[in-house]
Amino acid sequence: MYESKWHHYFDNYKDLYTYNDIEYYQDLLVKVGFVKEQTEITEEIFEYMFSDRKELIGFFSQTWPQLQFIPTELTDQFMNEYANNFIRVFSSENESNKIQLKLKMMTIYIKQNIYK
């Protein structure tokens, strides 16, 4: 995405996603009225496995708001180049020869007392 021929498409891009730590969410839950004993937050690595480049491109095509900045006629070229770079840089060897994508996932559990 940061290669020179694509970079100018993202000049005005602002990431709308926020990436906060567990403490941030614990504090937020307390601020909205939950007591710490009612909540549990876990953080783990979630692993996606893709059979091939086409599956990887399909996943990114459905989950990336950044694609709106690429002209429609260039989307396939952009995604192919991105997939090639992703596989080269991030994909690790595995027994199944599948493409791995590991993402950090946070889950928030809230226990509610229904017997008030």
PDB file of N, CA and C in Angstrom:
ATOM      1  N   MET A   1       0.816  -1.188   0.000  1.00  0.00           N
ATOM      2  CA  MET A   1       0.000   0.000   0.000  1.00  0.00           C
ATOM      3  C   MET A   1       0.865   1.260   0.000  1.00  0.00           C
ATOM      4  N   TYR A   2       2.065   1.155   0.515  1.00  0.00           N
ATOM      5  CA  TYR A   2       2.904   2.334   0.623  1.00  0.00           C
ATOM      6  C   TYR A   2       3.875   2.482  -0.544  1.00  0.00           C
ATOM      7  N   GLU A   3       3.746   1.605  -1.540  1.00  0.00           N
ATOM      8  CA  GLU A   3       4.603   1.755  -2.696  1.00  0.00           C
ATOM      9  C   GLU A   3       4.205   3.033  -3.419  1.00  0.00           C
ATOM     10  N   SER A   4       5.164   3.664  -4.081  1.00  0.00           N
ATOM     11  CA  SER A   4       4.958   4.994  -4.645  1.00  0.00           C
ATOM     12  C   SER A   4       3.768   5.090  -5.585  1.00  0.00           C
ATOM     13  N   LYS A   5       3.505   4.072  -6.373  1.00  0.00           N
ATOM     14  CA  LYS A   5       2.404   4.204  -7.329  1.00  0.00           C
ATOM     15  C   LYS A   5       1.027   4.154  -6.661  1.00  0.00           C
ATOM     16  N   TRP A   6       0.934   3.671  -5.425  1.00  0.00           N
ATOM     17  CA  TRP A   6      -0.343   3.607  -4.722  1.00  0.00           C
ATOM     18  C   TRP A   6      -0.460   4.659  -3.628  1.00  0.00           C
ATOM     19  N   HIS A   7       0.631   5.145  -3.158  1.00  0.00           N
ATOM     20  CA  HIS A   7       0.643   6.022  -1.980  1.00  0.00           C
ATOM     21  C   HIS A   7      -0.276   7.235  -2.142  1.00  0.00           C
ATOM     22  N   HIS A   8      -0.278   7.871  -3.286  1.00  0.00           N
ATOM     23  CA  HIS A   8      -1.049   9.117  -3.441  1.00  0.00           C
ATOM     24  C   HIS A   8      -2.563   8.898  -3.320  1.00  0.00           C
ATOM     25  N   TYR A   9      -3.029   7.682  -3.497  1.00  0.00           N
ATOM     26  CA  TYR A   9      -4.462   7.420  -3.326  1.00  0.00           C
ATOM     27  C   TYR A   9      -4.886   7.523  -1.855  1.00  0.00           C
ATOM     28  N   PHE A  10      -3.912   7.428  -0.967  1.00  0.00           N
ATOM     29  CA  PHE A  10      -4.216   7.407   0.461  1.00  0.00           C
ATOM     30  C   PHE A  10      -3.809   8.690   1.173  1.00  0.00           C
ATOM     31  N   ASP A  11      -3.530   9.741   0.435  1.00  0.00           N
ATOM     32  CA  ASP A  11      -3.103  10.990   1.056  1.00  0.00           C
ATOM     33  C   ASP A  11      -4.110  11.519   2.081  1.00  0.00           C
ATOM     34  N   ASN A  12      -5.399  11.381   1.810  1.00  0.00           N
ATOM     35  CA  ASN A  12      -6.419  11.906   2.721  1.00  0.00           C
ATOM     36  C   ASN A  12      -7.068  10.817   3.572  1.00  0.00           C
ATOM     37  N   TYR A  13      -6.468   9.647   3.595  1.00  0.00           N
ATOM     38  CA  TYR A  13      -7.045   8.534   4.350  1.00  0.00           C
ATOM     39  C   TYR A  13      -6.783   8.713   5.839  1.00  0.00           C
ATOM     40  N   LYS A  14      -7.837   8.535   6.624  1.00  0.00           N
ATOM     41  CA  LYS A  14      -7.715   8.541   8.080  1.00  0.00           C
ATOM     42  C   LYS A  14      -8.292   7.217   8.566  1.00  0.00           C
ATOM     43  N   ASP A  15      -7.509   6.488   9.314  1.00  0.00           N
ATOM     44  CA  ASP A  15      -7.937   5.185   9.819  1.00  0.00           C
ATOM     45  C   ASP A  15      -9.045   5.388  10.847  1.00  0.00           C
ATOM     46  N   LEU A  16     -10.208   4.812  10.589  1.00  0.00           N
ATOM     47  CA  LEU A  16     -11.343   4.957  11.493  1.00  0.00           C
ATOM     48  C   LEU A  16     -11.371   3.880  12.564  1.00  0.00           C
ATOM     49  N   TYR A  17     -10.551   2.855  12.389  1.00  0.00           N
ATOM     50  CA  TYR A  17     -10.469   1.811  13.403  1.00  0.00           C
ATOM     51  C   TYR A  17      -9.637   2.307  14.574  1.00  0.00           C
ATOM     52  N   THR A  18      -9.995   1.840  15.764  1.00  0.00           N
ATOM     53  CA  THR A  18      -9.169   2.154  16.928  1.00  0.00           C
ATOM     54  C   THR A  18      -8.632   0.837  17.484  1.00  0.00           C
ATOM     55  N   TYR A  19      -7.430   0.893  17.953  1.00  0.00           N
ATOM     56  CA  TYR A  19      -6.772  -0.286  18.493  1.00  0.00           C
ATOM     57  C   TYR A  19      -6.343   0.049  19.912  1.00  0.00           C
ATOM     58  N   ASN A  20      -7.148  -0.387  20.861  1.00  0.00           N
ATOM     59  CA  ASN A  20      -6.893  -0.055  22.260  1.00  0.00           C
ATOM     60  C   ASN A  20      -6.512  -1.307  23.039  1.00  0.00           C
ATOM     61  N   ASP A  21      -5.922  -1.079  24.199  1.00  0.00           N
ATOM     62  CA  ASP A  21      -5.505  -2.207  25.029  1.00  0.00           C
ATOM     63  C   ASP A  21      -6.625  -2.596  25.999  1.00  0.00           C
ATOM     64  N   ILE A  22      -6.401  -3.675  26.723  1.00  0.00           N
ATOM     65  CA  ILE A  22      -7.410  -4.205  27.646  1.00  0.00           C
ATOM     66  C   ILE A  22      -7.783  -3.170  28.707  1.00  0.00           C
ATOM     67  N   GLU A  23      -6.807  -2.458  29.237  1.00  0.00           N
ATOM     68  CA  GLU A  23      -7.073  -1.478  30.284  1.00  0.00           C
ATOM     69  C   GLU A  23      -8.035  -0.391  29.802  1.00  0.00           C
ATOM     70  N   TYR A  24      -7.896   0.023  28.547  1.00  0.00           N
ATOM     71  CA  TYR A  24      -8.786   1.034  27.984  1.00  0.00           C
ATOM     72  C   TYR A  24     -10.235   0.560  28.064  1.00  0.00           C
ATOM     73  N   TYR A  25     -10.479  -0.683  27.632  1.00  0.00           N
ATOM     74  CA  TYR A  25     -11.847  -1.204  27.639  1.00  0.00           C
ATOM     75  C   TYR A  25     -12.356  -1.465  29.043  1.00  0.00           C
ATOM     76  N   GLN A  26     -11.478  -1.887  29.961  1.00  0.00           N
ATOM     77  CA  GLN A  26     -11.900  -2.065  31.351  1.00  0.00           C
ATOM     78  C   GLN A  26     -12.364  -0.733  31.936  1.00  0.00           C
ATOM     79  N   ASP A  27     -11.590   0.314  31.697  1.00  0.00           N
ATOM     80  CA  ASP A  27     -11.963   1.646  32.186  1.00  0.00           C
ATOM     81  C   ASP A  27     -13.271   2.120  31.554  1.00  0.00           C
ATOM     82  N   LEU A  28     -13.438   1.864  30.262  1.00  0.00           N
ATOM     83  CA  LEU A  28     -14.651   2.268  29.554  1.00  0.00           C
ATOM     84  C   LEU A  28     -15.882   1.560  30.123  1.00  0.00           C
ATOM     85  N   LEU A  29     -15.752   0.273  30.407  1.00  0.00           N
ATOM     86  CA  LEU A  29     -16.872  -0.478  30.973  1.00  0.00           C
ATOM     87  C   LEU A  29     -17.258   0.052  32.346  1.00  0.00           C
ATOM     88  N   VAL A  30     -16.274   0.412  33.155  1.00  0.00           N
ATOM     89  CA  VAL A  30     -16.553   0.983  34.482  1.00  0.00           C
ATOM     90  C   VAL A  30     -17.251   2.333  34.318  1.00  0.00           C
ATOM     91  N   LYS A  31     -16.815   3.141  33.360  1.00  0.00           N
ATOM     92  CA  LYS A  31     -17.419   4.464  33.139  1.00  0.00           C
ATOM     93  C   LYS A  31     -18.884   4.367  32.735  1.00  0.00           C
ATOM     94  N   VAL A  32     -19.275   3.291  32.039  1.00  0.00           N
ATOM     95  CA  VAL A  32     -20.675   3.162  31.622  1.00  0.00           C
ATOM     96  C   VAL A  32     -21.510   2.362  32.624  1.00  0.00           C
ATOM     97  N   GLY A  33     -20.920   2.026  33.781  1.00  0.00           N
ATOM     98  CA  GLY A  33     -21.707   1.463  34.853  1.00  0.00           C
ATOM     99  C   GLY A  33     -21.483   0.008  35.214  1.00  0.00           C
ATOM    100  N   PHE A  34     -20.578  -0.676  34.571  1.00  0.00           N
ATOM    101  CA  PHE A  34     -20.292  -2.061  34.945  1.00  0.00           C
ATOM    102  C   PHE A  34     -19.201  -2.074  35.999  1.00  0.00           C
ATOM    103  N   VAL A  35     -19.347  -2.962  36.961  1.00  0.00           N
ATOM    104  CA  VAL A  35     -18.288  -3.113  37.946  1.00  0.00           C
ATOM    105  C   VAL A  35     -17.291  -4.134  37.416  1.00  0.00           C
ATOM    106  N   LYS A  36     -16.063  -3.983  37.829  1.00  0.00           N
ATOM    107  CA  LYS A  36     -14.994  -4.828  37.294  1.00  0.00           C
ATOM    108  C   LYS A  36     -15.274  -6.319  37.460  1.00  0.00           C
ATOM    109  N   GLU A  37     -15.952  -6.682  38.537  1.00  0.00           N
ATOM    110  CA  GLU A  37     -16.250  -8.088  38.794  1.00  0.00           C
ATOM    111  C   GLU A  37     -17.234  -8.671  37.784  1.00  0.00           C
ATOM    112  N   GLN A  38     -17.963  -7.818  37.053  1.00  0.00           N
ATOM    113  CA  GLN A  38     -18.930  -8.278  36.056  1.00  0.00           C
ATOM    114  C   GLN A  38     -18.296  -8.508  34.690  1.00  0.00           C
ATOM    115  N   THR A  39     -17.077  -8.098  34.509  1.00  0.00           N
ATOM    116  CA  THR A  39     -16.491  -8.127  33.177  1.00  0.00           C
ATOM    117  C   THR A  39     -15.237  -8.986  33.133  1.00  0.00           C
ATOM    118  N   GLU A  40     -15.006  -9.532  31.971  1.00  0.00           N
ATOM    119  CA  GLU A  40     -13.772 -10.269  31.711  1.00  0.00           C
ATOM    120  C   GLU A  40     -13.371  -9.961  30.273  1.00  0.00           C
ATOM    121  N   ILE A  41     -12.128  -9.614  30.081  1.00  0.00           N
ATOM    122  CA  ILE A  41     -11.628  -9.313  28.741  1.00  0.00           C
ATOM    123  C   ILE A  41     -10.460 -10.250  28.453  1.00  0.00           C
ATOM    124  N   THR A  42     -10.544 -10.937  27.341  1.00  0.00           N
ATOM    125  CA  THR A  42      -9.453 -11.823  26.940  1.00  0.00           C
ATOM    126  C   THR A  42      -8.874 -11.330  25.621  1.00  0.00           C
ATOM    127  N   GLU A  43      -7.623 -11.640  25.439  1.00  0.00           N
ATOM    128  CA  GLU A  43      -6.937 -11.268  24.208  1.00  0.00           C
ATOM    129  C   GLU A  43      -6.197 -12.506  23.708  1.00  0.00           C
ATOM    130  N   GLU A  44      -6.412 -12.838  22.460  1.00  0.00           N
ATOM    131  CA  GLU A  44      -5.758 -14.006  21.896  1.00  0.00           C
ATOM    132  C   GLU A  44      -5.483 -13.786  20.418  1.00  0.00           C
ATOM    133  N   ILE A  45      -4.713 -14.664  19.862  1.00  0.00           N
ATOM    134  CA  ILE A  45      -4.416 -14.605  18.435  1.00  0.00           C
ATOM    135  C   ILE A  45      -5.434 -15.470  17.707  1.00  0.00           C
ATOM    136  N   PHE A  46      -6.083 -14.867  16.728  1.00  0.00           N
ATOM    137  CA  PHE A  46      -7.045 -15.586  15.889  1.00  0.00           C
ATOM    138  C   PHE A  46      -6.371 -15.840  14.554  1.00  0.00           C
ATOM    139  N   GLU A  47      -6.431 -17.072  14.108  1.00  0.00           N
ATOM    140  CA  GLU A  47      -5.704 -17.460  12.906  1.00  0.00           C
ATOM    141  C   GLU A  47      -6.668 -17.783  11.761  1.00  0.00           C
ATOM    142  N   TYR A  48      -6.497 -17.076  10.663  1.00  0.00           N
ATOM    143  CA  TYR A  48      -7.231 -17.373   9.438  1.00  0.00           C
ATOM    144  C   TYR A  48      -6.316 -18.187   8.535  1.00  0.00           C
ATOM    145  N   MET A  49      -6.887 -19.143   7.831  1.00  0.00           N
ATOM    146  CA  MET A  49      -6.130 -19.935   6.864  1.00  0.00           C
ATOM    147  C   MET A  49      -6.820 -19.816   5.509  1.00  0.00           C
ATOM    148  N   PHE A  50      -6.043 -19.481   4.497  1.00  0.00           N
ATOM    149  CA  PHE A  50      -6.572 -19.327   3.144  1.00  0.00           C
ATOM    150  C   PHE A  50      -5.918 -20.356   2.238  1.00  0.00           C
ATOM    151  N   SER A  51      -6.730 -20.988   1.399  1.00  0.00           N
ATOM    152  CA  SER A  51      -6.223 -22.024   0.499  1.00  0.00           C
ATOM    153  C   SER A  51      -5.304 -21.464  -0.573  1.00  0.00           C
ATOM    154  N   ASP A  52      -5.588 -20.234  -0.988  1.00  0.00           N
ATOM    155  CA  ASP A  52      -4.804 -19.648  -2.080  1.00  0.00           C
ATOM    156  C   ASP A  52      -4.941 -18.130  -2.073  1.00  0.00           C
ATOM    157  N   ARG A  53      -4.258 -17.500  -3.012  1.00  0.00           N
ATOM    158  CA  ARG A  53      -4.273 -16.033  -3.129  1.00  0.00           C
ATOM    159  C   ARG A  53      -5.691 -15.510  -3.336  1.00  0.00           C
ATOM    160  N   LYS A  54      -6.489 -16.245  -4.106  1.00  0.00           N
ATOM    161  CA  LYS A  54      -7.854 -15.802  -4.404  1.00  0.00           C
ATOM    162  C   LYS A  54      -8.680 -15.672  -3.123  1.00  0.00           C
ATOM    163  N   GLU A  55      -8.562 -16.636  -2.228  1.00  0.00           N
ATOM    164  CA  GLU A  55      -9.272 -16.565  -0.946  1.00  0.00           C
ATOM    165  C   GLU A  55      -8.770 -15.390  -0.109  1.00  0.00           C
ATOM    166  N   LEU A  56      -7.454 -15.198  -0.069  1.00  0.00           N
ATOM    167  CA  LEU A  56      -6.877 -14.078   0.683  1.00  0.00           C
ATOM    168  C   LEU A  56      -7.400 -12.750   0.135  1.00  0.00           C
ATOM    169  N   ILE A  57      -7.381 -12.604  -1.183  1.00  0.00           N
ATOM    170  CA  ILE A  57      -7.871 -11.372  -1.813  1.00  0.00           C
ATOM    171  C   ILE A  57      -9.356 -11.185  -1.511  1.00  0.00           C
ATOM    172  N   GLY A  58     -10.135 -12.251  -1.541  1.00  0.00           N
ATOM    173  CA  GLY A  58     -11.562 -12.158  -1.212  1.00  0.00           C
ATOM    174  C   GLY A  58     -11.791 -11.656   0.199  1.00  0.00           C
ATOM    175  N   PHE A  59     -10.984 -12.143   1.149  1.00  0.00           N
ATOM    176  CA  PHE A  59     -11.093 -11.702   2.541  1.00  0.00           C
ATOM    177  C   PHE A  59     -10.794 -10.213   2.653  1.00  0.00           C
ATOM    178  N   PHE A  60      -9.658  -9.784   2.103  1.00  0.00           N
ATOM    179  CA  PHE A  60      -9.298  -8.369   2.183  1.00  0.00           C
ATOM    180  C   PHE A  60     -10.305  -7.494   1.443  1.00  0.00           C
ATOM    181  N   SER A  61     -10.807  -7.957   0.323  1.00  0.00           N
ATOM    182  CA  SER A  61     -11.766  -7.168  -0.460  1.00  0.00           C
ATOM    183  C   SER A  61     -13.049  -6.900   0.322  1.00  0.00           C
ATOM    184  N   GLN A  62     -13.428  -7.821   1.203  1.00  0.00           N
ATOM    185  CA  GLN A  62     -14.660  -7.675   1.981  1.00  0.00           C
ATOM    186  C   GLN A  62     -14.465  -6.923   3.290  1.00  0.00           C
ATOM    187  N   THR A  63     -13.238  -6.795   3.744  1.00  0.00           N
ATOM    188  CA  THR A  63     -13.022  -6.230   5.080  1.00  0.00           C
ATOM    189  C   THR A  63     -12.269  -4.902   5.085  1.00  0.00           C
ATOM    190  N   TRP A  64     -11.821  -4.441   3.960  1.00  0.00           N
ATOM    191  CA  TRP A  64     -10.992  -3.240   3.925  1.00  0.00           C
ATOM    192  C   TRP A  64     -11.730  -2.000   3.459  1.00  0.00           C
ATOM    193  N   PRO A  65     -11.963  -1.046   4.328  1.00  0.00           N
ATOM    194  CA  PRO A  65     -12.569   0.214   3.878  1.00  0.00           C
ATOM    195  C   PRO A  65     -11.601   1.034   3.012  1.00  0.00           C
ATOM    196  N   GLN A  66     -10.310   0.725   3.090  1.00  0.00           N
ATOM    197  CA  GLN A  66      -9.313   1.470   2.321  1.00  0.00           C
ATOM    198  C   GLN A  66      -9.511   1.327   0.815  1.00  0.00           C
ATOM    199  N   LEU A  67     -10.154   0.262   0.378  1.00  0.00           N
ATOM    200  CA  LEU A  67     -10.310   0.029  -1.055  1.00  0.00           C
ATOM    201  C   LEU A  67     -11.146   1.097  -1.739  1.00  0.00           C
ATOM    202  N   GLN A  68     -11.948   1.815  -0.974  1.00  0.00           N
ATOM    203  CA  GLN A  68     -12.748   2.875  -1.579  1.00  0.00           C
ATOM    204  C   GLN A  68     -11.884   4.001  -2.160  1.00  0.00           C
ATOM    205  N   PHE A  69     -10.627   4.060  -1.764  1.00  0.00           N
ATOM    206  CA  PHE A  69      -9.734   5.105  -2.257  1.00  0.00           C
ATOM    207  C   PHE A  69      -9.048   4.728  -3.569  1.00  0.00           C
ATOM    208  N   ILE A  70      -9.135   3.472  -3.937  1.00  0.00           N
ATOM    209  CA  ILE A  70      -8.523   2.996  -5.185  1.00  0.00           C
ATOM    210  C   ILE A  70      -9.589   3.035  -6.281  1.00  0.00           C
ATOM    211  N   PRO A  71      -9.281   3.618  -7.444  1.00  0.00           N
ATOM    212  CA  PRO A  71     -10.257   3.613  -8.534  1.00  0.00           C
ATOM    213  C   PRO A  71     -10.662   2.173  -8.879  1.00  0.00           C
ATOM    214  N   THR A  72     -11.930   1.983  -9.158  1.00  0.00           N
ATOM    215  CA  THR A  72     -12.488   0.657  -9.414  1.00  0.00           C
ATOM    216  C   THR A  72     -11.698  -0.112 -10.462  1.00  0.00           C
ATOM    217  N   GLU A  73     -11.285   0.569 -11.506  1.00  0.00           N
ATOM    218  CA  GLU A  73     -10.564  -0.118 -12.586  1.00  0.00           C
ATOM    219  C   GLU A  73      -9.167  -0.582 -12.171  1.00  0.00           C
ATOM    220  N   LEU A  74      -8.672  -0.121 -11.018  1.00  0.00           N
ATOM    221  CA  LEU A  74      -7.345  -0.519 -10.534  1.00  0.00           C
ATOM    222  C   LEU A  74      -7.395  -1.450  -9.321  1.00  0.00           C
ATOM    223  N   THR A  75      -8.595  -1.735  -8.835  1.00  0.00           N
ATOM    224  CA  THR A  75      -8.736  -2.535  -7.619  1.00  0.00           C
ATOM    225  C   THR A  75      -8.101  -3.917  -7.753  1.00  0.00           C
ATOM    226  N   ASP A  76      -8.354  -4.616  -8.864  1.00  0.00           N
ATOM    227  CA  ASP A  76      -7.783  -5.956  -9.034  1.00  0.00           C
ATOM    228  C   ASP A  76      -6.262  -5.918  -9.042  1.00  0.00           C
ATOM    229  N   GLN A  77      -5.691  -4.949  -9.727  1.00  0.00           N
ATOM    230  CA  GLN A  77      -4.230  -4.826  -9.781  1.00  0.00           C
ATOM    231  C   GLN A  77      -3.668  -4.535  -8.389  1.00  0.00           C
ATOM    232  N   PHE A  78      -4.312  -3.622  -7.671  1.00  0.00           N
ATOM    233  CA  PHE A  78      -3.875  -3.281  -6.319  1.00  0.00           C
ATOM    234  C   PHE A  78      -3.927  -4.509  -5.406  1.00  0.00           C
ATOM    235  N   MET A  79      -5.053  -5.220  -5.437  1.00  0.00           N
ATOM    236  CA  MET A  79      -5.214  -6.378  -4.557  1.00  0.00           C
ATOM    237  C   MET A  79      -4.230  -7.494  -4.903  1.00  0.00           C
ATOM    238  N   ASN A  80      -3.969  -7.713  -6.169  1.00  0.00           N
ATOM    239  CA  ASN A  80      -2.986  -8.729  -6.556  1.00  0.00           C
ATOM    240  C   ASN A  80      -1.596  -8.374  -6.052  1.00  0.00           C
ATOM    241  N   GLU A  81      -1.211  -7.119  -6.204  1.00  0.00           N
ATOM    242  CA  GLU A  81       0.108  -6.690  -5.710  1.00  0.00           C
ATOM    243  C   GLU A  81       0.170  -6.779  -4.189  1.00  0.00           C
ATOM    244  N   TYR A  82      -0.919  -6.381  -3.526  1.00  0.00           N
ATOM    245  CA  TYR A  82      -0.927  -6.457  -2.072  1.00  0.00           C
ATOM    246  C   TYR A  82      -0.821  -7.914  -1.606  1.00  0.00           C
ATOM    247  N   ALA A  83      -1.589  -8.795  -2.242  1.00  0.00           N
ATOM    248  CA  ALA A  83      -1.554 -10.213  -1.865  1.00  0.00           C
ATOM    249  C   ALA A  83      -0.157 -10.789  -2.068  1.00  0.00           C
ATOM    250  N   ASN A  84       0.485 -10.458  -3.177  1.00  0.00           N
ATOM    251  CA  ASN A  84       1.849 -10.942  -3.415  1.00  0.00           C
ATOM    252  C   ASN A  84       2.793 -10.472  -2.322  1.00  0.00           C
ATOM    253  N   ASN A  85       2.703  -9.191  -1.973  1.00  0.00           N
ATOM    254  CA  ASN A  85       3.569  -8.644  -0.922  1.00  0.00           C
ATOM    255  C   ASN A  85       3.238  -9.260   0.431  1.00  0.00           C
ATOM    256  N   PHE A  86       1.959  -9.435   0.727  1.00  0.00           N
ATOM    257  CA  PHE A  86       1.557 -10.028   1.995  1.00  0.00           C
ATOM    258  C   PHE A  86       2.132 -11.430   2.127  1.00  0.00           C
ATOM    259  N   ILE A  87       1.965 -12.229   1.095  1.00  0.00           N
ATOM    260  CA  ILE A  87       2.446 -13.611   1.131  1.00  0.00           C
ATOM    261  C   ILE A  87       3.965 -13.636   1.298  1.00  0.00           C
ATOM    262  N   ARG A  88       4.652 -12.760   0.597  1.00  0.00           N
ATOM    263  CA  ARG A  88       6.110 -12.720   0.664  1.00  0.00           C
ATOM    264  C   ARG A  88       6.592 -12.304   2.054  1.00  0.00           C
ATOM    265  N   VAL A  89       5.945 -11.331   2.658  1.00  0.00           N
ATOM    266  CA  VAL A  89       6.429 -10.759   3.916  1.00  0.00           C
ATOM    267  C   VAL A  89       5.840 -11.432   5.157  1.00  0.00           C
ATOM    268  N   PHE A  90       4.552 -11.722   5.155  1.00  0.00           N
ATOM    269  CA  PHE A  90       3.888 -12.128   6.392  1.00  0.00           C
ATOM    270  C   PHE A  90       3.524 -13.593   6.498  1.00  0.00           C
ATOM    271  N   SER A  91       3.354 -14.269   5.411  1.00  0.00           N
ATOM    272  CA  SER A  91       2.877 -15.647   5.491  1.00  0.00           C
ATOM    273  C   SER A  91       4.013 -16.565   5.912  1.00  0.00           C
ATOM    274  N   SER A  92       3.726 -17.400   6.886  1.00  0.00           N
ATOM    275  CA  SER A  92       4.755 -18.311   7.368  1.00  0.00           C
ATOM    276  C   SER A  92       4.527 -19.698   6.780  1.00  0.00           C
ATOM    277  N   GLU A  93       5.584 -20.467   6.754  1.00  0.00           N
ATOM    278  CA  GLU A  93       5.493 -21.837   6.257  1.00  0.00           C
ATOM    279  C   GLU A  93       4.632 -22.659   7.203  1.00  0.00           C
ATOM    280  N   ASN A  94       3.805 -23.514   6.633  1.00  0.00           N
ATOM    281  CA  ASN A  94       3.017 -24.421   7.448  1.00  0.00           C
ATOM    282  C   ASN A  94       2.827 -25.724   6.680  1.00  0.00           C
ATOM    283  N   GLU A  95       2.438 -26.746   7.403  1.00  0.00           N
ATOM    284  CA  GLU A  95       2.347 -28.081   6.824  1.00  0.00           C
ATOM    285  C   GLU A  95       1.343 -28.168   5.686  1.00  0.00           C
ATOM    286  N   SER A  96       0.300 -27.381   5.716  1.00  0.00           N
ATOM    287  CA  SER A  96      -0.768 -27.498   4.729  1.00  0.00           C
ATOM    288  C   SER A  96      -0.541 -26.634   3.487  1.00  0.00           C
ATOM    289  N   ASN A  97       0.549 -25.859   3.467  1.00  0.00           N
ATOM    290  CA  ASN A  97       0.824 -24.934   2.361  1.00  0.00           C
ATOM    291  C   ASN A  97      -0.276 -23.907   2.167  1.00  0.00           C
ATOM    292  N   LYS A  98      -0.973 -23.591   3.236  1.00  0.00           N
ATOM    293  CA  LYS A  98      -2.005 -22.561   3.175  1.00  0.00           C
ATOM    294  C   LYS A  98      -1.405 -21.226   3.593  1.00  0.00           C
ATOM    295  N   ILE A  99      -2.101 -20.166   3.249  1.00  0.00           N
ATOM    296  CA  ILE A  99      -1.665 -18.819   3.610  1.00  0.00           C
ATOM    297  C   ILE A  99      -2.270 -18.492   4.975  1.00  0.00           C
ATOM    298  N   GLN A 100      -1.410 -18.117   5.917  1.00  0.00           N
ATOM    299  CA  GLN A 100      -1.858 -17.807   7.273  1.00  0.00           C
ATOM    300  C   GLN A 100      -1.961 -16.308   7.478  1.00  0.00           C
ATOM    301  N   LEU A 101      -3.003 -15.916   8.195  1.00  0.00           N
ATOM    302  CA  LEU A 101      -3.144 -14.537   8.642  1.00  0.00           C
ATOM    303  C   LEU A 101      -3.476 -14.613  10.125  1.00  0.00           C
ATOM    304  N   LYS A 102      -2.617 -14.050  10.957  1.00  0.00           N
ATOM    305  CA  LYS A 102      -2.841 -14.058  12.402  1.00  0.00           C
ATOM    306  C   LYS A 102      -3.199 -12.648  12.847  1.00  0.00           C
ATOM    307  N   LEU A 103      -4.322 -12.540  13.537  1.00  0.00           N
ATOM    308  CA  LEU A 103      -4.792 -11.246  14.026  1.00  0.00           C
ATOM    309  C   LEU A 103      -5.041 -11.336  15.527  1.00  0.00           C
ATOM    310  N   LYS A 104      -4.770 -10.243  16.207  1.00  0.00           N
ATOM    311  CA  LYS A 104      -5.059 -10.179  17.628  1.00  0.00           C
ATOM    312  C   LYS A 104      -6.560  -9.924  17.786  1.00  0.00           C
ATOM    313  N   MET A 105      -7.195 -10.708  18.643  1.00  0.00           N
ATOM    314  CA  MET A 105      -8.631 -10.572  18.860  1.00  0.00           C
ATOM    315  C   MET A 105      -8.890 -10.369  20.348  1.00  0.00           C
ATOM    316  N   MET A 106      -9.733  -9.412  20.642  1.00  0.00           N
ATOM    317  CA  MET A 106     -10.104  -9.145  22.023  1.00  0.00           C
ATOM    318  C   MET A 106     -11.588  -9.486  22.182  1.00  0.00           C
ATOM    319  N   THR A 107     -11.911 -10.205  23.227  1.00  0.00           N
ATOM    320  CA  THR A 107     -13.296 -10.570  23.502  1.00  0.00           C
ATOM    321  C   THR A 107     -13.677 -10.009  24.859  1.00  0.00           C
ATOM    322  N   ILE A 108     -14.840  -9.387  24.920  1.00  0.00           N
ATOM    323  CA  ILE A 108     -15.323  -8.808  26.171  1.00  0.00           C
ATOM    324  C   ILE A 108     -16.537  -9.607  26.625  1.00  0.00           C
ATOM    325  N   TYR A 109     -16.452 -10.142  27.839  1.00  0.00           N
ATOM    326  CA  TYR A 109     -17.558 -10.883  28.442  1.00  0.00           C
ATOM    327  C   TYR A 109     -18.131 -10.020  29.551  1.00  0.00           C
ATOM    328  N   ILE A 110     -19.439  -9.880  29.552  1.00  0.00           N
ATOM    329  CA  ILE A 110     -20.108  -9.117  30.607  1.00  0.00           C
ATOM    330  C   ILE A 110     -21.132 -10.019  31.272  1.00  0.00           C
ATOM    331  N   LYS A 111     -20.984 -10.181  32.576  1.00  0.00           N
ATOM    332  CA  LYS A 111     -21.928 -11.005  33.346  1.00  0.00           C
ATOM    333  C   LYS A 111     -23.002 -10.094  33.908  1.00  0.00           C
ATOM    334  N   GLN A 112     -24.224 -10.465  33.648  1.00  0.00           N
ATOM    335  CA  GLN A 112     -25.328  -9.657  34.136  1.00  0.00           C
ATOM    336  C   GLN A 112     -26.100 -10.428  35.180  1.00  0.00           C
ATOM    337  N   ASN A 113     -26.408  -9.774  36.293  1.00  0.00           N
ATOM    338  CA  ASN A 113     -27.214 -10.398  37.321  1.00  0.00           C
ATOM    339  C   ASN A 113     -28.682 -10.232  36.932  1.00  0.00           C
ATOM    340  N   ILE A 114     -29.318 -11.337  36.550  1.00  0.00           N
ATOM    341  CA  ILE A 114     -30.718 -11.238  36.123  1.00  0.00           C
ATOM    342  C   ILE A 114     -31.688 -11.370  37.297  1.00  0.00           C
ATOM    343  N   TYR A 115     -31.158 -11.657  38.485  1.00  0.00           N
ATOM    344  CA  TYR A 115     -32.002 -11.821  39.665  1.00  0.00           C
ATOM    345  C   TYR A 115     -31.841 -10.613  40.581  1.00  0.00           C
ATOM    346  N   LYS A 116     -32.326  -9.490  40.181  1.00  0.00           N
ATOM    347  CA  LYS A 116     -32.186  -8.275  40.996  1.00  0.00           C
ATOM    348  C   LYS A 116     -33.296  -8.159  41.994  1.00  0.00           C
TER     349      LYS A 116
END
